[in-house]
Amino acid sequence: MEELKKIILKIKELEDCGELRLVYSESVGSNAIVMTNCDKFVIVMNPTLSYEQQMREIWHEAKHICCHLNNSNYNVAFAEYETDQFINKIISKPEFFDELKAVTCF
Protein backbone atom coordinates (compact mmCIF):
# COMPACT_ATOMS: atom_id res chain seq x y z
CA MET A 1 0.00 0.00 0.00
CA GLU A 2 2.82 2.41 0.79
CA GLU A 3 4.36 1.85 -2.63
CA LEU A 4 1.02 2.60 -4.27
CA LYS A 5 0.66 5.85 -2.30
CA LYS A 6 4.23 6.83 -3.19
CA ILE A 7 3.60 6.27 -6.89
CA ILE A 8 0.29 8.15 -6.85
CA LEU A 9 1.81 11.14 -5.08
CA LYS A 10 4.79 11.21 -7.45
CA ILE A 11 2.59 11.01 -10.54
CA LYS A 12 0.30 13.74 -9.18
CA GLU A 13 3.33 15.92 -8.46
CA LEU A 14 4.62 15.42 -12.01
CA GLU A 15 1.19 16.22 -13.47
CA ASP A 16 0.74 19.33 -11.32
CA CYS A 17 4.07 20.84 -12.40
CA GLY A 18 3.58 19.95 -16.07
CA GLU A 19 6.31 17.31 -16.17
CA LEU A 20 3.96 14.46 -17.12
CA ARG A 21 1.57 14.32 -20.05
CA LEU A 22 -0.67 11.60 -21.42
CA VAL A 23 -1.17 11.56 -25.18
CA TYR A 24 -3.03 9.17 -27.43
CA SER A 25 -1.69 7.77 -30.69
CA GLU A 26 -2.75 4.77 -32.73
CA SER A 27 0.77 4.56 -34.12
CA VAL A 28 2.28 3.49 -30.78
CA GLY A 29 3.96 0.12 -31.32
CA SER A 30 2.56 -1.40 -28.13
CA ASN A 31 -0.37 -0.67 -25.85
CA ALA A 32 1.52 2.19 -24.21
CA ILE A 33 5.03 3.51 -23.74
CA VAL A 34 6.66 6.14 -21.60
CA MET A 35 9.22 8.53 -23.00
CA THR A 36 11.46 10.75 -20.93
CA ASN A 37 13.71 13.72 -21.48
CA CYS A 38 15.28 15.80 -18.69
CA ASP A 39 12.91 14.48 -16.00
CA LYS A 40 9.83 15.21 -18.12
CA PHE A 41 7.64 12.29 -19.09
CA VAL A 42 5.08 11.49 -21.77
CA ILE A 43 2.92 8.39 -21.65
CA VAL A 44 1.78 7.51 -25.16
CA MET A 45 -1.37 5.40 -25.08
CA ASN A 46 -3.14 3.47 -27.82
CA PRO A 47 -6.66 5.00 -27.85
CA THR A 48 -8.26 1.78 -29.08
CA LEU A 49 -7.72 0.12 -25.68
CA SER A 50 -10.69 -0.33 -23.36
CA TYR A 51 -10.91 1.86 -20.27
CA GLU A 52 -9.74 -1.04 -18.10
CA GLN A 53 -6.76 -1.70 -20.37
CA GLN A 54 -5.85 2.00 -20.36
CA MET A 55 -5.90 2.06 -16.55
CA ARG A 56 -3.67 -1.00 -16.43
CA GLU A 57 -1.23 0.59 -18.87
CA ILE A 58 -1.16 3.89 -16.98
CA TRP A 59 -0.32 2.06 -13.74
CA HIS A 60 2.31 0.08 -15.62
CA GLU A 61 4.01 3.19 -16.97
CA ALA A 62 3.65 5.02 -13.64
CA LYS A 63 5.57 2.20 -11.93
CA HIS A 64 8.34 2.54 -14.52
CA ILE A 65 8.48 6.33 -14.08
CA CYS A 66 8.76 6.09 -10.30
CA CYS A 67 10.98 3.05 -9.96
CA HIS A 68 12.96 2.31 -13.09
CA LEU A 69 13.59 5.20 -15.46
CA ASN A 70 16.00 7.14 -13.25
CA ASN A 71 18.01 4.03 -12.43
CA SER A 72 20.63 3.34 -15.09
CA ASN A 73 21.45 -0.06 -13.54
CA TYR A 74 18.00 -1.63 -13.88
CA ASN A 75 17.47 -4.80 -15.86
CA VAL A 76 14.65 -4.43 -18.40
CA ALA A 77 13.36 -7.99 -17.96
CA PHE A 78 13.31 -7.64 -14.18
CA ALA A 79 11.67 -4.20 -14.41
CA GLU A 80 8.87 -5.66 -16.57
CA TYR A 81 8.43 -8.59 -14.17
CA GLU A 82 8.37 -6.26 -11.14
CA THR A 83 5.87 -3.97 -12.85
CA ASP A 84 3.58 -6.87 -13.77
CA GLN A 85 3.64 -8.05 -10.15
CA PHE A 86 2.74 -4.53 -8.99
CA ILE A 87 -0.19 -4.33 -11.45
CA ASN A 88 -1.50 -7.76 -10.42
CA LYS A 89 -1.34 -6.70 -6.76
CA ILE A 90 -3.38 -3.57 -7.47
CA ILE A 91 -5.98 -5.42 -9.52
CA SER A 92 -6.37 -8.18 -6.92
CA LYS A 93 -6.94 -5.72 -4.04
CA PRO A 94 -9.59 -3.13 -4.97
CA GLU A 95 -9.70 -2.04 -1.32
CA PHE A 96 -6.43 -0.17 -2.04
CA PHE A 97 -8.47 2.41 -3.90
CA ASP A 98 -10.79 2.96 -0.92
CA GLU A 99 -7.76 3.56 1.29
CA LEU A 100 -6.42 6.12 -1.16
CA LYS A 101 -9.20 8.51 -0.20
CA ALA A 102 -7.10 9.17 2.90
CA VAL A 103 -4.22 10.46 0.77
CA THR A 104 -4.66 14.20 1.04
CA CYS A 105 -3.20 15.13 -2.35
CA PHE A 106 -5.08 12.53 -4.35
PDB file of N, CA and C in Angstrom:
ATOM      1  N   MET A   1       0.819  -1.198   0.000  1.00  0.00           N
ATOM      2  CA  MET A   1       0.000   0.000   0.000  1.00  0.00           C
ATOM      3  C   MET A   1       0.860   1.258   0.000  1.00  0.00           C
ATOM      4  N   GLU A   2       1.946   1.243   0.737  1.00  0.00           N
ATOM      5  CA  GLU A   2       2.818   2.415   0.793  1.00  0.00           C
ATOM      6  C   GLU A   2       3.423   2.706  -0.585  1.00  0.00           C
ATOM      7  N   GLU A   3       3.798   1.651  -1.299  1.00  0.00           N
ATOM      8  CA  GLU A   3       4.358   1.849  -2.632  1.00  0.00           C
ATOM      9  C   GLU A   3       3.324   2.487  -3.554  1.00  0.00           C
ATOM     10  N   LEU A   4       2.088   2.048  -3.460  1.00  0.00           N
ATOM     11  CA  LEU A   4       1.015   2.601  -4.273  1.00  0.00           C
ATOM     12  C   LEU A   4       0.822   4.089  -3.965  1.00  0.00           C
ATOM     13  N   LYS A   5       0.799   4.448  -2.686  1.00  0.00           N
ATOM     14  CA  LYS A   5       0.659   5.854  -2.303  1.00  0.00           C
ATOM     15  C   LYS A   5       1.829   6.678  -2.832  1.00  0.00           C
ATOM     16  N   LYS A   6       3.029   6.128  -2.722  1.00  0.00           N
ATOM     17  CA  LYS A   6       4.232   6.826  -3.193  1.00  0.00           C
ATOM     18  C   LYS A   6       4.136   7.102  -4.692  1.00  0.00           C
ATOM     19  N   ILE A   7       3.710   6.115  -5.444  1.00  0.00           N
ATOM     20  CA  ILE A   7       3.598   6.267  -6.891  1.00  0.00           C
ATOM     21  C   ILE A   7       2.513   7.280  -7.245  1.00  0.00           C
ATOM     22  N   ILE A   8       1.376   7.208  -6.585  1.00  0.00           N
ATOM     23  CA  ILE A   8       0.290   8.152  -6.853  1.00  0.00           C
ATOM     24  C   ILE A   8       0.733   9.580  -6.569  1.00  0.00           C
ATOM     25  N   LEU A   9       1.373   9.789  -5.428  1.00  0.00           N
ATOM     26  CA  LEU A   9       1.806  11.139  -5.082  1.00  0.00           C
ATOM     27  C   LEU A   9       2.859  11.661  -6.049  1.00  0.00           C
ATOM     28  N   LYS A  10       3.765  10.800  -6.488  1.00  0.00           N
ATOM     29  CA  LYS A  10       4.789  11.213  -7.449  1.00  0.00           C
ATOM     30  C   LYS A  10       4.165  11.563  -8.796  1.00  0.00           C
ATOM     31  N   ILE A  11       3.244  10.754  -9.266  1.00  0.00           N
ATOM     32  CA  ILE A  11       2.588  11.010 -10.545  1.00  0.00           C
ATOM     33  C   ILE A  11       1.765  12.301 -10.462  1.00  0.00           C
ATOM     34  N   LYS A  12       1.071  12.504  -9.356  1.00  0.00           N
ATOM     35  CA  LYS A  12       0.302  13.737  -9.179  1.00  0.00           C
ATOM     36  C   LYS A  12       1.225  14.947  -9.169  1.00  0.00           C
ATOM     37  N   GLU A  13       2.346  14.837  -8.497  1.00  0.00           N
ATOM     38  CA  GLU A  13       3.333  15.922  -8.463  1.00  0.00           C
ATOM     39  C   GLU A  13       3.830  16.247  -9.878  1.00  0.00           C
ATOM     40  N   LEU A  14       4.153  15.219 -10.646  1.00  0.00           N
ATOM     41  CA  LEU A  14       4.620  15.419 -12.011  1.00  0.00           C
ATOM     42  C   LEU A  14       3.542  16.060 -12.885  1.00  0.00           C
ATOM     43  N   GLU A  15       2.296  15.625 -12.714  1.00  0.00           N
ATOM     44  CA  GLU A  15       1.193  16.224 -13.474  1.00  0.00           C
ATOM     45  C   GLU A  15       1.005  17.694 -13.106  1.00  0.00           C
ATOM     46  N   ASP A  16       1.001  17.972 -11.801  1.00  0.00           N
ATOM     47  CA  ASP A  16       0.742  19.330 -11.322  1.00  0.00           C
ATOM     48  C   ASP A  16       1.777  20.330 -11.818  1.00  0.00           C
ATOM     49  N   CYS A  17       3.022  19.907 -11.952  1.00  0.00           N
ATOM     50  CA  CYS A  17       4.067  20.837 -12.395  1.00  0.00           C
ATOM     51  C   CYS A  17       4.314  20.751 -13.904  1.00  0.00           C
ATOM     52  N   GLY A  18       3.484  20.006 -14.615  1.00  0.00           N
ATOM     53  CA  GLY A  18       3.583  19.948 -16.066  1.00  0.00           C
ATOM     54  C   GLY A  18       4.695  19.053 -16.592  1.00  0.00           C
ATOM     55  N   GLU A  19       5.215  18.187 -15.753  1.00  0.00           N
ATOM     56  CA  GLU A  19       6.310  17.315 -16.174  1.00  0.00           C
ATOM     57  C   GLU A  19       5.839  15.921 -16.600  1.00  0.00           C
ATOM     58  N   LEU A  20       4.527  15.725 -16.647  1.00  0.00           N
ATOM     59  CA  LEU A  20       3.964  14.458 -17.124  1.00  0.00           C
ATOM     60  C   LEU A  20       2.750  14.769 -17.976  1.00  0.00           C
ATOM     61  N   ARG A  21       2.723  14.178 -19.151  1.00  0.00           N
ATOM     62  CA  ARG A  21       1.572  14.317 -20.046  1.00  0.00           C
ATOM     63  C   ARG A  21       1.150  12.935 -20.521  1.00  0.00           C
ATOM     64  N   LEU A  22      -0.124  12.814 -20.816  1.00  0.00           N
ATOM     65  CA  LEU A  22      -0.674  11.603 -21.417  1.00  0.00           C
ATOM     66  C   LEU A  22      -1.187  11.986 -22.788  1.00  0.00           C
ATOM     67  N   VAL A  23      -0.700  11.312 -23.822  1.00  0.00           N
ATOM     68  CA  VAL A  23      -1.173  11.564 -25.179  1.00  0.00           C
ATOM     69  C   VAL A  23      -1.628  10.243 -25.789  1.00  0.00           C
ATOM     70  N   TYR A  24      -2.497  10.363 -26.770  1.00  0.00           N
ATOM     71  CA  TYR A  24      -3.031   9.175 -27.435  1.00  0.00           C
ATOM     72  C   TYR A  24      -2.541   9.130 -28.879  1.00  0.00           C
ATOM     73  N   SER A  25      -2.136   7.952 -29.308  1.00  0.00           N
ATOM     74  CA  SER A  25      -1.688   7.767 -30.686  1.00  0.00           C
ATOM     75  C   SER A  25      -1.905   6.309 -31.096  1.00  0.00           C
ATOM     76  N   GLU A  26      -2.560   6.125 -32.214  1.00  0.00           N
ATOM     77  CA  GLU A  26      -2.755   4.769 -32.729  1.00  0.00           C
ATOM     78  C   GLU A  26      -1.476   4.200 -33.312  1.00  0.00           C
ATOM     79  N   SER A  27      -0.479   5.041 -33.518  1.00  0.00           N
ATOM     80  CA  SER A  27       0.770   4.561 -34.116  1.00  0.00           C
ATOM     81  C   SER A  27       1.762   4.032 -33.082  1.00  0.00           C
ATOM     82  N   VAL A  28       1.388   4.039 -31.803  1.00  0.00           N
ATOM     83  CA  VAL A  28       2.277   3.494 -30.780  1.00  0.00           C
ATOM     84  C   VAL A  28       2.434   1.994 -31.045  1.00  0.00           C
ATOM     85  N   GLY A  29       3.671   1.509 -30.974  1.00  0.00           N
ATOM     86  CA  GLY A  29       3.955   0.119 -31.324  1.00  0.00           C
ATOM     87  C   GLY A  29       3.418  -0.898 -30.342  1.00  0.00           C
ATOM     88  N   SER A  30       3.106  -0.494 -29.132  1.00  0.00           N
ATOM     89  CA  SER A  30       2.556  -1.402 -28.128  1.00  0.00           C
ATOM     90  C   SER A  30       1.309  -0.747 -27.557  1.00  0.00           C
ATOM     91  N   ASN A  31       0.811  -1.273 -26.454  1.00  0.00           N
ATOM     92  CA  ASN A  31      -0.369  -0.665 -25.845  1.00  0.00           C
ATOM     93  C   ASN A  31      -0.080   0.735 -25.324  1.00  0.00           C
ATOM     94  N   ALA A  32       1.112   0.893 -24.728  1.00  0.00           N
ATOM     95  CA  ALA A  32       1.521   2.192 -24.206  1.00  0.00           C
ATOM     96  C   ALA A  32       3.030   2.177 -24.006  1.00  0.00           C
ATOM     97  N   ILE A  33       3.607   3.361 -24.043  1.00  0.00           N
ATOM     98  CA  ILE A  33       5.030   3.509 -23.744  1.00  0.00           C
ATOM     99  C   ILE A  33       5.208   4.797 -22.962  1.00  0.00           C
ATOM    100  N   VAL A  34       6.317   4.885 -22.265  1.00  0.00           N
ATOM    101  CA  VAL A  34       6.659   6.136 -21.600  1.00  0.00           C
ATOM    102  C   VAL A  34       7.969   6.620 -22.201  1.00  0.00           C
ATOM    103  N   MET A  35       8.004   7.909 -22.491  1.00  0.00           N
ATOM    104  CA  MET A  35       9.220   8.531 -23.004  1.00  0.00           C
ATOM    105  C   MET A  35       9.649   9.588 -22.000  1.00  0.00           C
ATOM    106  N   THR A  36      10.955   9.789 -21.891  1.00  0.00           N
ATOM    107  CA  THR A  36      11.464  10.750 -20.932  1.00  0.00           C
ATOM    108  C   THR A  36      12.566  11.589 -21.554  1.00  0.00           C
ATOM    109  N   ASN A  37      12.651  12.819 -21.084  1.00  0.00           N
ATOM    110  CA  ASN A  37      13.713  13.722 -21.484  1.00  0.00           C
ATOM    111  C   ASN A  37      13.854  14.772 -20.378  1.00  0.00           C
ATOM    112  N   CYS A  38      15.007  14.801 -19.736  1.00  0.00           N
ATOM    113  CA  CYS A  38      15.283  15.799 -18.689  1.00  0.00           C
ATOM    114  C   CYS A  38      14.218  15.794 -17.595  1.00  0.00           C
ATOM    115  N   ASP A  39      13.896  14.639 -17.081  1.00  0.00           N
ATOM    116  CA  ASP A  39      12.914  14.484 -16.005  1.00  0.00           C
ATOM    117  C   ASP A  39      11.498  14.934 -16.371  1.00  0.00           C
ATOM    118  N   LYS A  40      11.199  14.994 -17.652  1.00  0.00           N
ATOM    119  CA  LYS A  40       9.834  15.212 -18.124  1.00  0.00           C
ATOM    120  C   LYS A  40       9.402  13.927 -18.802  1.00  0.00           C
ATOM    121  N   PHE A  41       8.131  13.581 -18.628  1.00  0.00           N
ATOM    122  CA  PHE A  41       7.643  12.286 -19.091  1.00  0.00           C
ATOM    123  C   PHE A  41       6.387  12.438 -19.944  1.00  0.00           C
ATOM    124  N   VAL A  42       6.275  11.579 -20.951  1.00  0.00           N
ATOM    125  CA  VAL A  42       5.078  11.494 -21.775  1.00  0.00           C
ATOM    126  C   VAL A  42       4.697  10.017 -21.844  1.00  0.00           C
ATOM    127  N   ILE A  43       3.466   9.730 -21.456  1.00  0.00           N
ATOM    128  CA  ILE A  43       2.924   8.389 -21.647  1.00  0.00           C
ATOM    129  C   ILE A  43       2.114   8.447 -22.935  1.00  0.00           C
ATOM    130  N   VAL A  44       2.490   7.590 -23.881  1.00  0.00           N
ATOM    131  CA  VAL A  44       1.783   7.514 -25.158  1.00  0.00           C
ATOM    132  C   VAL A  44       0.910   6.263 -25.101  1.00  0.00           C
ATOM    133  N   MET A  45      -0.393   6.468 -25.258  1.00  0.00           N
ATOM    134  CA  MET A  45      -1.370   5.403 -25.081  1.00  0.00           C
ATOM    135  C   MET A  45      -2.105   5.125 -26.392  1.00  0.00           C
ATOM    136  N   ASN A  46      -2.331   3.870 -26.675  1.00  0.00           N
ATOM    137  CA  ASN A  46      -3.142   3.471 -27.815  1.00  0.00           C
ATOM    138  C   ASN A  46      -4.607   3.746 -27.461  1.00  0.00           C
ATOM    139  N   PRO A  47      -5.285   4.624 -28.201  1.00  0.00           N
ATOM    140  CA  PRO A  47      -6.661   4.996 -27.852  1.00  0.00           C
ATOM    141  C   PRO A  47      -7.690   3.905 -28.114  1.00  0.00           C
ATOM    142  N   THR A  48      -7.297   2.848 -28.793  1.00  0.00           N
ATOM    143  CA  THR A  48      -8.257   1.778 -29.076  1.00  0.00           C
ATOM    144  C   THR A  48      -8.414   0.816 -27.896  1.00  0.00           C
ATOM    145  N   LEU A  49      -7.613   0.987 -26.858  1.00  0.00           N
ATOM    146  CA  LEU A  49      -7.721   0.120 -25.679  1.00  0.00           C
ATOM    147  C   LEU A  49      -8.991   0.439 -24.905  1.00  0.00           C
ATOM    148  N   SER A  50      -9.535  -0.557 -24.234  1.00  0.00           N
ATOM    149  CA  SER A  50     -10.688  -0.326 -23.365  1.00  0.00           C
ATOM    150  C   SER A  50     -10.245   0.518 -22.165  1.00  0.00           C
ATOM    151  N   TYR A  51     -11.216   1.066 -21.466  1.00  0.00           N
ATOM    152  CA  TYR A  51     -10.909   1.862 -20.275  1.00  0.00           C
ATOM    153  C   TYR A  51     -10.073   1.052 -19.286  1.00  0.00           C
ATOM    154  N   GLU A  52     -10.456  -0.188 -19.043  1.00  0.00           N
ATOM    155  CA  GLU A  52      -9.737  -1.041 -18.101  1.00  0.00           C
ATOM    156  C   GLU A  52      -8.292  -1.274 -18.557  1.00  0.00           C
ATOM    157  N   GLN A  53      -8.109  -1.508 -19.849  1.00  0.00           N
ATOM    158  CA  GLN A  53      -6.757  -1.705 -20.375  1.00  0.00           C
ATOM    159  C   GLN A  53      -5.935  -0.420 -20.247  1.00  0.00           C
ATOM    160  N   GLN A  54      -6.561   0.726 -20.501  1.00  0.00           N
ATOM    161  CA  GLN A  54      -5.847   1.999 -20.359  1.00  0.00           C
ATOM    162  C   GLN A  54      -5.403   2.215 -18.915  1.00  0.00           C
ATOM    163  N   MET A  55      -6.277   1.901 -17.961  1.00  0.00           N
ATOM    164  CA  MET A  55      -5.902   2.062 -16.549  1.00  0.00           C
ATOM    165  C   MET A  55      -4.729   1.150 -16.197  1.00  0.00           C
ATOM    166  N   ARG A  56      -4.775  -0.060 -16.683  1.00  0.00           N
ATOM    167  CA  ARG A  56      -3.673  -0.996 -16.434  1.00  0.00           C
ATOM    168  C   ARG A  56      -2.359  -0.459 -17.020  1.00  0.00           C
ATOM    169  N   GLU A  57      -2.427   0.060 -18.222  1.00  0.00           N
ATOM    170  CA  GLU A  57      -1.230   0.595 -18.875  1.00  0.00           C
ATOM    171  C   GLU A  57      -0.709   1.843 -18.174  1.00  0.00           C
ATOM    172  N   ILE A  58      -1.602   2.690 -17.712  1.00  0.00           N
ATOM    173  CA  ILE A  58      -1.163   3.894 -16.979  1.00  0.00           C
ATOM    174  C   ILE A  58      -0.444   3.496 -15.699  1.00  0.00           C
ATOM    175  N   TRP A  59      -0.996   2.539 -14.949  1.00  0.00           N
ATOM    176  CA  TRP A  59      -0.317   2.061 -13.738  1.00  0.00           C
ATOM    177  C   TRP A  59       1.030   1.442 -14.083  1.00  0.00           C
ATOM    178  N   HIS A  60       1.071   0.711 -15.180  1.00  0.00           N
ATOM    179  CA  HIS A  60       2.311   0.076 -15.616  1.00  0.00           C
ATOM    180  C   HIS A  60       3.386   1.136 -15.874  1.00  0.00           C
ATOM    181  N   GLU A  61       3.033   2.147 -16.645  1.00  0.00           N
ATOM    182  CA  GLU A  61       4.007   3.189 -16.967  1.00  0.00           C
ATOM    183  C   GLU A  61       4.341   4.042 -15.748  1.00  0.00           C
ATOM    184  N   ALA A  62       3.379   4.262 -14.867  1.00  0.00           N
ATOM    185  CA  ALA A  62       3.652   5.022 -13.639  1.00  0.00           C
ATOM    186  C   ALA A  62       4.687   4.309 -12.777  1.00  0.00           C
ATOM    187  N   LYS A  63       4.581   2.989 -12.688  1.00  0.00           N
ATOM    188  CA  LYS A  63       5.567   2.203 -11.932  1.00  0.00           C
ATOM    189  C   LYS A  63       6.956   2.382 -12.542  1.00  0.00           C
ATOM    190  N   HIS A  64       7.043   2.337 -13.868  1.00  0.00           N
ATOM    191  CA  HIS A  64       8.336   2.542 -14.521  1.00  0.00           C
ATOM    192  C   HIS A  64       8.886   3.942 -14.236  1.00  0.00           C
ATOM    193  N   ILE A  65       8.036   4.958 -14.332  1.00  0.00           N
ATOM    194  CA  ILE A  65       8.484   6.329 -14.080  1.00  0.00           C
ATOM    195  C   ILE A  65       9.048   6.461 -12.676  1.00  0.00           C
ATOM    196  N   CYS A  66       8.366   5.905 -11.705  1.00  0.00           N
ATOM    197  CA  CYS A  66       8.757   6.090 -10.301  1.00  0.00           C
ATOM    198  C   CYS A  66       9.884   5.170  -9.846  1.00  0.00           C
ATOM    199  N   CYS A  67      10.051   4.045 -10.491  1.00  0.00           N
ATOM    200  CA  CYS A  67      10.983   3.048  -9.956  1.00  0.00           C
ATOM    201  C   CYS A  67      12.112   2.636 -10.887  1.00  0.00           C
ATOM    202  N   HIS A  68      11.976   2.884 -12.168  1.00  0.00           N
ATOM    203  CA  HIS A  68      12.960   2.312 -13.085  1.00  0.00           C
ATOM    204  C   HIS A  68      13.687   3.331 -13.961  1.00  0.00           C
ATOM    205  N   LEU A  69      13.004   4.346 -14.432  1.00  0.00           N
ATOM    206  CA  LEU A  69      13.587   5.201 -15.460  1.00  0.00           C
ATOM    207  C   LEU A  69      14.780   6.028 -15.007  1.00  0.00           C
ATOM    208  N   ASN A  70      14.858   6.357 -13.741  1.00  0.00           N
ATOM    209  CA  ASN A  70      16.000   7.140 -13.249  1.00  0.00           C
ATOM    210  C   ASN A  70      17.109   6.259 -12.696  1.00  0.00           C
ATOM    211  N   ASN A  71      17.013   4.973 -12.923  1.00  0.00           N
ATOM    212  CA  ASN A  71      18.006   4.026 -12.428  1.00  0.00           C
ATOM    213  C   ASN A  71      18.703   3.400 -13.635  1.00  0.00           C
ATOM    214  N   SER A  72      19.924   3.828 -13.898  1.00  0.00           N
ATOM    215  CA  SER A  72      20.635   3.342 -15.089  1.00  0.00           C
ATOM    216  C   SER A  72      21.080   1.886 -14.952  1.00  0.00           C
ATOM    217  N   ASN A  73      20.996   1.317 -13.766  1.00  0.00           N
ATOM    218  CA  ASN A  73      21.445  -0.056 -13.545  1.00  0.00           C
ATOM    219  C   ASN A  73      20.318  -1.086 -13.605  1.00  0.00           C
ATOM    220  N   TYR A  74      19.097  -0.660 -13.921  1.00  0.00           N
ATOM    221  CA  TYR A  74      18.005  -1.632 -13.883  1.00  0.00           C
ATOM    222  C   TYR A  74      18.063  -2.576 -15.075  1.00  0.00           C
ATOM    223  N   ASN A  75      17.565  -3.763 -14.845  1.00  0.00           N
ATOM    224  CA  ASN A  75      17.473  -4.804 -15.857  1.00  0.00           C
ATOM    225  C   ASN A  75      16.066  -4.741 -16.443  1.00  0.00           C
ATOM    226  N   VAL A  76      15.955  -4.608 -17.747  1.00  0.00           N
ATOM    227  CA  VAL A  76      14.653  -4.431 -18.395  1.00  0.00           C
ATOM    228  C   VAL A  76      13.720  -5.602 -18.103  1.00  0.00           C
ATOM    229  N   ALA A  77      14.205  -6.815 -18.205  1.00  0.00           N
ATOM    230  CA  ALA A  77      13.356  -7.992 -17.957  1.00  0.00           C
ATOM    231  C   ALA A  77      12.850  -7.997 -16.520  1.00  0.00           C
ATOM    232  N   PHE A  78      13.740  -7.672 -15.576  1.00  0.00           N
ATOM    233  CA  PHE A  78      13.308  -7.635 -14.179  1.00  0.00           C
ATOM    234  C   PHE A  78      12.329  -6.487 -13.952  1.00  0.00           C
ATOM    235  N   ALA A  79      12.571  -5.343 -14.575  1.00  0.00           N
ATOM    236  CA  ALA A  79      11.667  -4.199 -14.415  1.00  0.00           C
ATOM    237  C   ALA A  79      10.267  -4.553 -14.914  1.00  0.00           C
ATOM    238  N   GLU A  80      10.175  -5.238 -16.045  1.00  0.00           N
ATOM    239  CA  GLU A  80       8.874  -5.657 -16.566  1.00  0.00           C
ATOM    240  C   GLU A  80       8.201  -6.656 -15.625  1.00  0.00           C
ATOM    241  N   TYR A  81       8.972  -7.610 -15.119  1.00  0.00           N
ATOM    242  CA  TYR A  81       8.434  -8.593 -14.166  1.00  0.00           C
ATOM    243  C   TYR A  81       7.920  -7.881 -12.919  1.00  0.00           C
ATOM    244  N   GLU A  82       8.746  -6.989 -12.356  1.00  0.00           N
ATOM    245  CA  GLU A  82       8.369  -6.263 -11.135  1.00  0.00           C
ATOM    246  C   GLU A  82       7.108  -5.423 -11.371  1.00  0.00           C
ATOM    247  N   THR A  83       7.033  -4.794 -12.521  1.00  0.00           N
ATOM    248  CA  THR A  83       5.869  -3.974 -12.852  1.00  0.00           C
ATOM    249  C   THR A  83       4.621  -4.830 -12.999  1.00  0.00           C
ATOM    250  N   ASP A  84       4.726  -5.973 -13.651  1.00  0.00           N
ATOM    251  CA  ASP A  84       3.577  -6.872 -13.771  1.00  0.00           C
ATOM    252  C   ASP A  84       3.096  -7.346 -12.404  1.00  0.00           C
ATOM    253  N   GLN A  85       4.017  -7.643 -11.504  1.00  0.00           N
ATOM    254  CA  GLN A  85       3.641  -8.048 -10.148  1.00  0.00           C
ATOM    255  C   GLN A  85       2.907  -6.923  -9.427  1.00  0.00           C
ATOM    256  N   PHE A  86       3.375  -5.703  -9.594  1.00  0.00           N
ATOM    257  CA  PHE A  86       2.742  -4.528  -8.994  1.00  0.00           C
ATOM    258  C   PHE A  86       1.317  -4.369  -9.518  1.00  0.00           C
ATOM    259  N   ILE A  87       1.140  -4.465 -10.836  1.00  0.00           N
ATOM    260  CA  ILE A  87      -0.187  -4.333 -11.448  1.00  0.00           C
ATOM    261  C   ILE A  87      -1.117  -5.426 -10.939  1.00  0.00           C
ATOM    262  N   ASN A  88      -0.667  -6.655 -10.900  1.00  0.00           N
ATOM    263  CA  ASN A  88      -1.502  -7.761 -10.416  1.00  0.00           C
ATOM    264  C   ASN A  88      -1.914  -7.546  -8.969  1.00  0.00           C
ATOM    265  N   LYS A  89      -1.022  -6.991  -8.164  1.00  0.00           N
ATOM    266  CA  LYS A  89      -1.338  -6.704  -6.761  1.00  0.00           C
ATOM    267  C   LYS A  89      -2.441  -5.655  -6.665  1.00  0.00           C
ATOM    268  N   ILE A  90      -2.354  -4.612  -7.476  1.00  0.00           N
ATOM    269  CA  ILE A  90      -3.380  -3.567  -7.474  1.00  0.00           C
ATOM    270  C   ILE A  90      -4.728  -4.140  -7.897  1.00  0.00           C
ATOM    271  N   ILE A  91      -4.733  -4.881  -8.981  1.00  0.00           N
ATOM    272  CA  ILE A  91      -5.979  -5.418  -9.517  1.00  0.00           C
ATOM    273  C   ILE A  91      -6.628  -6.401  -8.543  1.00  0.00           C
ATOM    274  N   SER A  92      -5.817  -7.168  -7.824  1.00  0.00           N
ATOM    275  CA  SER A  92      -6.370  -8.176  -6.921  1.00  0.00           C
ATOM    276  C   SER A  92      -6.855  -7.591  -5.592  1.00  0.00           C
ATOM    277  N   LYS A  93      -6.560  -6.323  -5.322  1.00  0.00           N
ATOM    278  CA  LYS A  93      -6.943  -5.720  -4.043  1.00  0.00           C
ATOM    279  C   LYS A  93      -7.640  -4.374  -4.270  1.00  0.00           C
ATOM    280  N   PRO A  94      -8.888  -4.400  -4.704  1.00  0.00           N
ATOM    281  CA  PRO A  94      -9.594  -3.132  -4.967  1.00  0.00           C
ATOM    282  C   PRO A  94      -9.749  -2.258  -3.727  1.00  0.00           C
ATOM    283  N   GLU A  95      -9.600  -2.846  -2.535  1.00  0.00           N
ATOM    284  CA  GLU A  95      -9.699  -2.035  -1.320  1.00  0.00           C
ATOM    285  C   GLU A  95      -8.587  -0.991  -1.239  1.00  0.00           C
ATOM    286  N   PHE A  96      -7.488  -1.180  -1.989  1.00  0.00           N
ATOM    287  CA  PHE A  96      -6.433  -0.173  -2.044  1.00  0.00           C
ATOM    288  C   PHE A  96      -7.008   1.185  -2.443  1.00  0.00           C
ATOM    289  N   PHE A  97      -7.932   1.165  -3.388  1.00  0.00           N
ATOM    290  CA  PHE A  97      -8.473   2.412  -3.896  1.00  0.00           C
ATOM    291  C   PHE A  97      -9.341   3.116  -2.858  1.00  0.00           C
ATOM    292  N   ASP A  98     -10.028   2.353  -2.015  1.00  0.00           N
ATOM    293  CA  ASP A  98     -10.785   2.965  -0.923  1.00  0.00           C
ATOM    294  C   ASP A  98      -9.842   3.641   0.062  1.00  0.00           C
ATOM    295  N   GLU A  99      -8.730   2.994   0.360  1.00  0.00           N
ATOM    296  CA  GLU A  99      -7.755   3.563   1.294  1.00  0.00           C
ATOM    297  C   GLU A  99      -7.107   4.819   0.739  1.00  0.00           C
ATOM    298  N   LEU A 100      -7.054   4.952  -0.564  1.00  0.00           N
ATOM    299  CA  LEU A 100      -6.415   6.123  -1.165  1.00  0.00           C
ATOM    300  C   LEU A 100      -7.178   7.412  -0.906  1.00  0.00           C
ATOM    301  N   LYS A 101      -8.427   7.306  -0.532  1.00  0.00           N
ATOM    302  CA  LYS A 101      -9.197   8.508  -0.204  1.00  0.00           C
ATOM    303  C   LYS A 101      -8.573   9.246   0.970  1.00  0.00           C
ATOM    304  N   ALA A 102      -7.766   8.542   1.769  1.00  0.00           N
ATOM    305  CA  ALA A 102      -7.095   9.167   2.904  1.00  0.00           C
ATOM    306  C   ALA A 102      -5.836   9.922   2.483  1.00  0.00           C
ATOM    307  N   VAL A 103      -5.380   9.721   1.260  1.00  0.00           N
ATOM    308  CA  VAL A 103      -4.219  10.456   0.772  1.00  0.00           C
ATOM    309  C   VAL A 103      -4.658  11.859   0.432  1.00  0.00           C
ATOM    310  N   THR A 104      -4.128  12.843   1.148  1.00  0.00           N
ATOM    311  CA  THR A 104      -4.657  14.199   1.041  1.00  0.00           C
ATOM    312  C   THR A 104      -4.483  14.831  -0.320  1.00  0.00           C
ATOM    313  N   CYS A 105      -3.448  14.487  -1.051  1.00  0.00           N
ATOM    314  CA  CYS A 105      -3.199  15.126  -2.345  1.00  0.00           C
ATOM    315  C   CYS A 105      -3.836  14.400  -3.501  1.00  0.00           C
ATOM    316  N   PHE A 106      -4.540  13.330  -3.259  1.00  0.00           N
ATOM    317  CA  PHE A 106      -5.084  12.533  -4.354  1.00  0.00           C
ATOM    318  C   PHE A 106      -6.464  13.016  -4.711  1.00  0.00           C
TER     319      PHE A 106
END
